[in-house]
Amino acid sequence: MCDLVARTGRLQQRYEGGSRLVAGCIPFRYINSNEDGHSETGKVVQVLMISSSSGPGLLFPKGGWENDETVREAAVREAVEEAGVRGILMDFLGDYEFKSKTHQDEFSPEGLCKAAMYALYVKEELKTWPEQDTRTRTWLTIEEAVESCRHAWMKEALVQGFCKWHKEKIGKGDVVIADED
C-alpha cells in the first residue's frame, strides 16, 4: 500500500489564455554501457517513460499545475505520483503546447494545454507510488523513447528539449550529475 496519494480534481488548476497549465519532466539516469550488452565502456543516458492510462504508447510524467504550488513543485509531484521516482529537478527544457482529447472544460473548451517540461535526474525509484496500479514504468535509451513516445509534443520535448540541453551541458564540459560511486 502506498502512503502517498495522487491529487485529483480541477479546483486548484491553473489556466492562462484559455490553456490549462501543465508541468512535467523527463526523468533520466546513466548506466554503464557495458551493462547494456555493449562492448565499449562509458555512460549511456536512459529516460524513464510510463504507460498511459488511456491507450497505447508511452509518456513522460506530467499533469496539472495547481494554484498552491510552483511549476517546479508540480513537476516533482507528477514524477512521484505517476512514475514513482524522486531526484534532482534540473533545468527547464521548454514550454510545449498540445490539445487534450480528454480534458476539455469550461476554462479550456478546446482542450488546449501548455506544458512546462524539466529534466529530472533520478536518484530514487519508489517501491510503491500513487498510480502504480494504473501505470508501468520503463527505462529506455533515447532512440527507444523516440520510437515509443505516444505524443508528438513529448517527442519534441525529448529531442528538441532534453537531448539538446544534455548535449549542450556535455559540450560545455559541465558534468550533468557527478558520479556518487
C-alpha atoms as a PDB file:
ATOM      1  CA  MET A   1       0.000   0.000   0.000  1.00  0.00           C
ATOM      2  CA  CYS A   2       1.286   3.443  -0.907  1.00  0.00           C
ATOM      3  CA  ASP A   3       1.186   6.163   1.751  1.00  0.00           C
ATOM      4  CA  LEU A   4       1.262   8.885  -0.905  1.00  0.00           C
ATOM      5  CA  VAL A   5      -1.991   9.922  -2.560  1.00  0.00           C
ATOM      6  CA  ALA A   6      -2.340  11.420  -6.036  1.00  0.00           C
ATOM      7  CA  ARG A   7      -4.138  14.740  -6.292  1.00  0.00           C
ATOM      8  CA  THR A   8      -7.421  14.653  -8.179  1.00  0.00           C
ATOM      9  CA  GLY A   9      -9.933  17.202  -9.425  1.00  0.00           C
ATOM     10  CA  ARG A  10      -9.629  20.588 -11.061  1.00  0.00           C
ATOM     11  CA  LEU A  11     -10.437  23.017  -8.242  1.00  0.00           C
ATOM     12  CA  GLN A  12      -6.848  24.271  -7.930  1.00  0.00           C
ATOM     13  CA  GLN A  13      -5.988  24.044 -11.649  1.00  0.00           C
ATOM     14  CA  ARG A  14      -4.149  26.966 -13.269  1.00  0.00           C
ATOM     15  CA  TYR A  15      -5.203  28.398 -16.642  1.00  0.00           C
ATOM     16  CA  GLU A  16      -3.682  31.074 -18.849  1.00  0.00           C
ATOM     17  CA  GLY A  17      -5.178  32.471 -22.039  1.00  0.00           C
ATOM     18  CA  GLY A  18      -7.605  29.577 -22.471  1.00  0.00           C
ATOM     19  CA  SER A  19      -4.926  26.920 -21.915  1.00  0.00           C
ATOM     20  CA  ARG A  20      -4.650  24.536 -18.990  1.00  0.00           C
ATOM     21  CA  LEU A  21      -1.164  24.827 -17.469  1.00  0.00           C
ATOM     22  CA  VAL A  22       0.670  21.549 -17.064  1.00  0.00           C
ATOM     23  CA  ALA A  23       4.030  20.651 -15.525  1.00  0.00           C
ATOM     24  CA  GLY A  24       6.121  17.587 -16.234  1.00  0.00           C
ATOM     25  CA  CYS A  25       9.580  16.165 -16.538  1.00  0.00           C
ATOM     26  CA  ILE A  26      11.817  13.824 -18.445  1.00  0.00           C
ATOM     27  CA  PRO A  27      13.314  11.557 -15.771  1.00  0.00           C
ATOM     28  CA  PHE A  28      16.797  10.293 -16.653  1.00  0.00           C
ATOM     29  CA  ARG A  29      19.726   8.282 -15.331  1.00  0.00           C
ATOM     30  CA  TYR A  30      23.066   6.974 -16.514  1.00  0.00           C
ATOM     31  CA  ILE A  31      24.012   3.337 -16.849  1.00  0.00           C
ATOM     32  CA  ASN A  32      27.337   1.804 -17.810  1.00  0.00           C
ATOM     33  CA  SER A  33      27.113   0.910 -21.496  1.00  0.00           C
ATOM     34  CA  ASN A  34      28.755  -2.477 -20.906  1.00  0.00           C
ATOM     35  CA  GLU A  35      25.752  -3.390 -18.691  1.00  0.00           C
ATOM     36  CA  ASP A  36      23.507  -2.956 -21.716  1.00  0.00           C
ATOM     37  CA  GLY A  37      25.300  -5.516 -23.890  1.00  0.00           C
ATOM     38  CA  HIS A  38      27.726  -3.031 -25.470  1.00  0.00           C
ATOM     39  CA  SER A  39      31.399  -3.905 -25.604  1.00  0.00           C
ATOM     40  CA  GLU A  40      32.645  -0.340 -25.108  1.00  0.00           C
ATOM     41  CA  THR A  41      32.592   1.175 -21.660  1.00  0.00           C
ATOM     42  CA  GLY A  42      31.087   4.515 -20.744  1.00  0.00           C
ATOM     43  CA  LYS A  43      27.839   6.065 -19.656  1.00  0.00           C
ATOM     44  CA  VAL A  44      24.570   5.750 -21.559  1.00  0.00           C
ATOM     45  CA  VAL A  45      21.617   8.034 -20.878  1.00  0.00           C
ATOM     46  CA  GLN A  46      18.277   6.364 -20.248  1.00  0.00           C
ATOM     47  CA  VAL A  47      14.941   8.101 -19.814  1.00  0.00           C
ATOM     48  CA  LEU A  48      12.002   6.808 -17.827  1.00  0.00           C
ATOM     49  CA  MET A  49       8.629   6.554 -19.527  1.00  0.00           C
ATOM     50  CA  ILE A  50       5.297   5.420 -18.143  1.00  0.00           C
ATOM     51  CA  SER A  51       2.311   3.684 -19.648  1.00  0.00           C
ATOM     52  CA  SER A  52      -0.734   5.757 -20.496  1.00  0.00           C
ATOM     53  CA  SER A  53      -3.907   5.185 -18.533  1.00  0.00           C
ATOM     54  CA  SER A  54      -5.935   5.916 -21.678  1.00  0.00           C
ATOM     55  CA  GLY A  55      -4.377   3.923 -24.503  1.00  0.00           C
ATOM     56  CA  PRO A  56      -1.213   2.597 -26.144  1.00  0.00           C
ATOM     57  CA  GLY A  57       2.178   4.272 -26.215  1.00  0.00           C
ATOM     58  CA  LEU A  58       4.451   5.653 -23.519  1.00  0.00           C
ATOM     59  CA  LEU A  59       4.536   9.054 -21.843  1.00  0.00           C
ATOM     60  CA  PHE A  60       6.633  11.239 -19.596  1.00  0.00           C
ATOM     61  CA  PRO A  61       5.068  12.143 -16.241  1.00  0.00           C
ATOM     62  CA  LYS A  62       3.034  15.346 -16.400  1.00  0.00           C
ATOM     63  CA  GLY A  63      -0.136  16.821 -15.014  1.00  0.00           C
ATOM     64  CA  GLY A  64      -1.984  19.927 -13.955  1.00  0.00           C
ATOM     65  CA  TRP A  65      -0.077  22.756 -12.283  1.00  0.00           C
ATOM     66  CA  GLU A  66      -2.117  23.856  -9.291  1.00  0.00           C
ATOM     67  CA  ASN A  67      -2.552  27.228  -7.555  1.00  0.00           C
ATOM     68  CA  ASP A  68      -0.870  26.188  -4.305  1.00  0.00           C
ATOM     69  CA  GLU A  69       2.461  25.138  -5.851  1.00  0.00           C
ATOM     70  CA  THR A  70       5.234  26.422  -8.088  1.00  0.00           C
ATOM     71  CA  VAL A  71       5.637  24.937 -11.535  1.00  0.00           C
ATOM     72  CA  ARG A  72       8.792  23.138 -10.334  1.00  0.00           C
ATOM     73  CA  GLU A  73       6.904  21.667  -7.361  1.00  0.00           C
ATOM     74  CA  ALA A  74       4.174  20.455  -9.736  1.00  0.00           C
ATOM     75  CA  ALA A  75       6.741  18.729 -11.996  1.00  0.00           C
ATOM     76  CA  VAL A  76       8.304  16.961  -8.989  1.00  0.00           C
ATOM     77  CA  ARG A  77       4.878  15.947  -7.653  1.00  0.00           C
ATOM     78  CA  GLU A  78       3.860  14.452 -11.004  1.00  0.00           C
ATOM     79  CA  ALA A  79       7.090  12.411 -11.163  1.00  0.00           C
ATOM     80  CA  VAL A  80       6.279  10.896  -7.765  1.00  0.00           C
ATOM     81  CA  GLU A  81       2.562  10.356  -8.439  1.00  0.00           C
ATOM     82  CA  GLU A  82       2.771   8.912 -11.948  1.00  0.00           C
ATOM     83  CA  ALA A  83       6.251   7.368 -12.180  1.00  0.00           C
ATOM     84  CA  GLY A  84       7.220   6.746  -8.564  1.00  0.00           C
ATOM     85  CA  VAL A  85      10.586   8.490  -8.837  1.00  0.00           C
ATOM     86  CA  ARG A  86      12.388  11.205  -6.887  1.00  0.00           C
ATOM     87  CA  GLY A  87      15.531  13.063  -7.758  1.00  0.00           C
ATOM     88  CA  ILE A  88      17.063  16.407  -8.618  1.00  0.00           C
ATOM     89  CA  LEU A  89      14.889  18.671 -10.763  1.00  0.00           C
ATOM     90  CA  MET A  90      17.314  20.324 -13.120  1.00  0.00           C
ATOM     91  CA  ASP A  91      16.865  22.769 -15.971  1.00  0.00           C
ATOM     92  CA  PHE A  92      13.722  23.961 -17.726  1.00  0.00           C
ATOM     93  CA  LEU A  93      13.528  22.341 -21.175  1.00  0.00           C
ATOM     94  CA  GLY A  94      10.758  24.451 -22.683  1.00  0.00           C
ATOM     95  CA  ASP A  95       7.035  25.032 -22.968  1.00  0.00           C
ATOM     96  CA  TYR A  96       5.119  22.654 -25.245  1.00  0.00           C
ATOM     97  CA  GLU A  97       1.581  23.257 -26.437  1.00  0.00           C
ATOM     98  CA  PHE A  98      -0.844  20.470 -27.213  1.00  0.00           C
ATOM     99  CA  LYS A  99      -4.543  19.705 -27.388  1.00  0.00           C
ATOM    100  CA  SER A 100      -6.000  17.273 -24.882  1.00  0.00           C
ATOM    101  CA  LYS A 101      -8.732  14.987 -26.161  1.00  0.00           C
ATOM    102  CA  THR A 102      -9.791  14.028 -22.640  1.00  0.00           C
ATOM    103  CA  HIS A 103      -9.523  17.295 -20.675  1.00  0.00           C
ATOM    104  CA  GLN A 104     -11.856  19.924 -22.085  1.00  0.00           C
ATOM    105  CA  ASP A 105     -13.617  22.096 -19.521  1.00  0.00           C
ATOM    106  CA  GLU A 106     -15.274  25.484 -19.119  1.00  0.00           C
ATOM    107  CA  PHE A 107     -11.900  27.265 -18.826  1.00  0.00           C
ATOM    108  CA  SER A 108     -10.371  25.450 -21.801  1.00  0.00           C
ATOM    109  CA  PRO A 109     -13.240  24.282 -24.019  1.00  0.00           C
ATOM    110  CA  GLU A 110     -10.820  23.484 -26.835  1.00  0.00           C
ATOM    111  CA  GLY A 111      -8.705  21.321 -24.536  1.00  0.00           C
ATOM    112  CA  LEU A 112      -5.629  23.492 -25.098  1.00  0.00           C
ATOM    113  CA  CYS A 113      -2.705  22.803 -22.760  1.00  0.00           C
ATOM    114  CA  LYS A 114       0.723  24.332 -22.234  1.00  0.00           C
ATOM    115  CA  ALA A 115       3.275  22.038 -20.590  1.00  0.00           C
ATOM    116  CA  ALA A 116       6.402  23.297 -18.829  1.00  0.00           C
ATOM    117  CA  MET A 117       8.908  20.429 -19.040  1.00  0.00           C
ATOM    118  CA  TYR A 118      12.068  19.878 -16.960  1.00  0.00           C
ATOM    119  CA  ALA A 119      14.934  17.411 -16.775  1.00  0.00           C
ATOM    120  CA  LEU A 120      14.828  15.254 -13.613  1.00  0.00           C
ATOM    121  CA  TYR A 121      17.900  13.296 -12.561  1.00  0.00           C
ATOM    122  CA  VAL A 122      16.502  10.208 -10.833  1.00  0.00           C
ATOM    123  CA  LYS A 123      18.086   9.277  -7.522  1.00  0.00           C
ATOM    124  CA  GLU A 124      15.351   7.024  -6.121  1.00  0.00           C
ATOM    125  CA  GLU A 125      12.765   4.620  -7.543  1.00  0.00           C
ATOM    126  CA  LEU A 126       9.958   4.160  -5.044  1.00  0.00           C
ATOM    127  CA  LYS A 127       8.707   0.629  -4.365  1.00  0.00           C
ATOM    128  CA  THR A 128       5.153   1.954  -4.070  1.00  0.00           C
ATOM    129  CA  TRP A 129       3.637   5.105  -5.579  1.00  0.00           C
ATOM    130  CA  PRO A 130       0.150   6.562  -6.031  1.00  0.00           C
ATOM    131  CA  GLU A 131      -0.510   5.427  -9.622  1.00  0.00           C
ATOM    132  CA  GLN A 132       1.329   2.096  -9.549  1.00  0.00           C
ATOM    133  CA  ASP A 133      -1.883   0.165 -10.169  1.00  0.00           C
ATOM    134  CA  THR A 134      -2.615   2.015 -13.427  1.00  0.00           C
ATOM    135  CA  ARG A 135       0.904   2.684 -14.783  1.00  0.00           C
ATOM    136  CA  THR A 136       4.054   0.757 -15.501  1.00  0.00           C
ATOM    137  CA  ARG A 137       7.453   2.405 -15.806  1.00  0.00           C
ATOM    138  CA  THR A 138      10.114   1.537 -18.360  1.00  0.00           C
ATOM    139  CA  TRP A 139      13.719   2.713 -18.754  1.00  0.00           C
ATOM    140  CA  LEU A 140      14.623   3.318 -22.414  1.00  0.00           C
ATOM    141  CA  THR A 141      17.517   4.646 -24.451  1.00  0.00           C
ATOM    142  CA  ILE A 142      16.812   7.939 -26.224  1.00  0.00           C
ATOM    143  CA  GLU A 143      16.317   6.086 -29.527  1.00  0.00           C
ATOM    144  CA  GLU A 144      13.841   3.646 -27.955  1.00  0.00           C
ATOM    145  CA  ALA A 145      11.983   6.509 -26.267  1.00  0.00           C
ATOM    146  CA  VAL A 146      11.607   8.410 -29.545  1.00  0.00           C
ATOM    147  CA  GLU A 147      10.084   5.284 -31.123  1.00  0.00           C
ATOM    148  CA  SER A 148       7.784   4.587 -28.154  1.00  0.00           C
ATOM    149  CA  CYS A 149       6.558   8.116 -27.467  1.00  0.00           C
ATOM    150  CA  ARG A 150       2.771   8.405 -27.773  1.00  0.00           C
ATOM    151  CA  HIS A 151       2.516  12.155 -28.415  1.00  0.00           C
ATOM    152  CA  ALA A 152       4.364  14.300 -30.965  1.00  0.00           C
ATOM    153  CA  TRP A 153       4.801  17.125 -28.437  1.00  0.00           C
ATOM    154  CA  MET A 154       6.511  14.768 -25.977  1.00  0.00           C
ATOM    155  CA  LYS A 155       8.818  13.524 -28.735  1.00  0.00           C
ATOM    156  CA  GLU A 156       9.662  17.176 -29.444  1.00  0.00           C
ATOM    157  CA  ALA A 157      10.326  17.772 -25.726  1.00  0.00           C
ATOM    158  CA  LEU A 158      12.679  14.782 -25.745  1.00  0.00           C
ATOM    159  CA  VAL A 159      14.576  15.604 -28.941  1.00  0.00           C
ATOM    160  CA  GLN A 160      14.488  19.410 -29.073  1.00  0.00           C
ATOM    161  CA  GLY A 161      14.383  19.926 -25.307  1.00  0.00           C
ATOM    162  CA  PHE A 162      16.153  17.193 -23.372  1.00  0.00           C
ATOM    163  CA  CYS A 163      18.664  15.957 -25.973  1.00  0.00           C
ATOM    164  CA  LYS A 164      19.677  19.484 -26.967  1.00  0.00           C
ATOM    165  CA  TRP A 165      20.022  20.503 -23.294  1.00  0.00           C
ATOM    166  CA  HIS A 166      22.044  17.388 -22.438  1.00  0.00           C
ATOM    167  CA  LYS A 167      24.369  17.790 -25.432  1.00  0.00           C
ATOM    168  CA  GLU A 168      24.997  21.462 -24.556  1.00  0.00           C
ATOM    169  CA  LYS A 169      25.790  20.554 -20.939  1.00  0.00           C
ATOM    170  CA  ILE A 170      28.231  17.847 -22.001  1.00  0.00           C
ATOM    171  CA  GLY A 171      29.671  20.025 -24.794  1.00  0.00           C
ATOM    172  CA  LYS A 172      30.479  22.795 -22.315  1.00  0.00           C
ATOM    173  CA  GLY A 173      32.195  20.250 -20.124  1.00  0.00           C
ATOM    174  CA  ASP A 174      29.535  20.618 -17.455  1.00  0.00           C
ATOM    175  CA  VAL A 175      29.072  17.429 -15.562  1.00  0.00           C
ATOM    176  CA  VAL A 176      25.323  16.898 -15.603  1.00  0.00           C
ATOM    177  CA  ILE A 177      25.488  14.862 -12.412  1.00  0.00           C
ATOM    178  CA  ALA A 178      28.700  13.864 -10.687  1.00  0.00           C
ATOM    179  CA  ASP A 179      29.191  10.165 -10.050  1.00  0.00           C
ATOM    180  CA  GLU A 180      28.461   9.209  -6.473  1.00  0.00           C
ATOM    181  CA  ASP A 181      30.398   5.940  -6.546  1.00  0.00           C
END
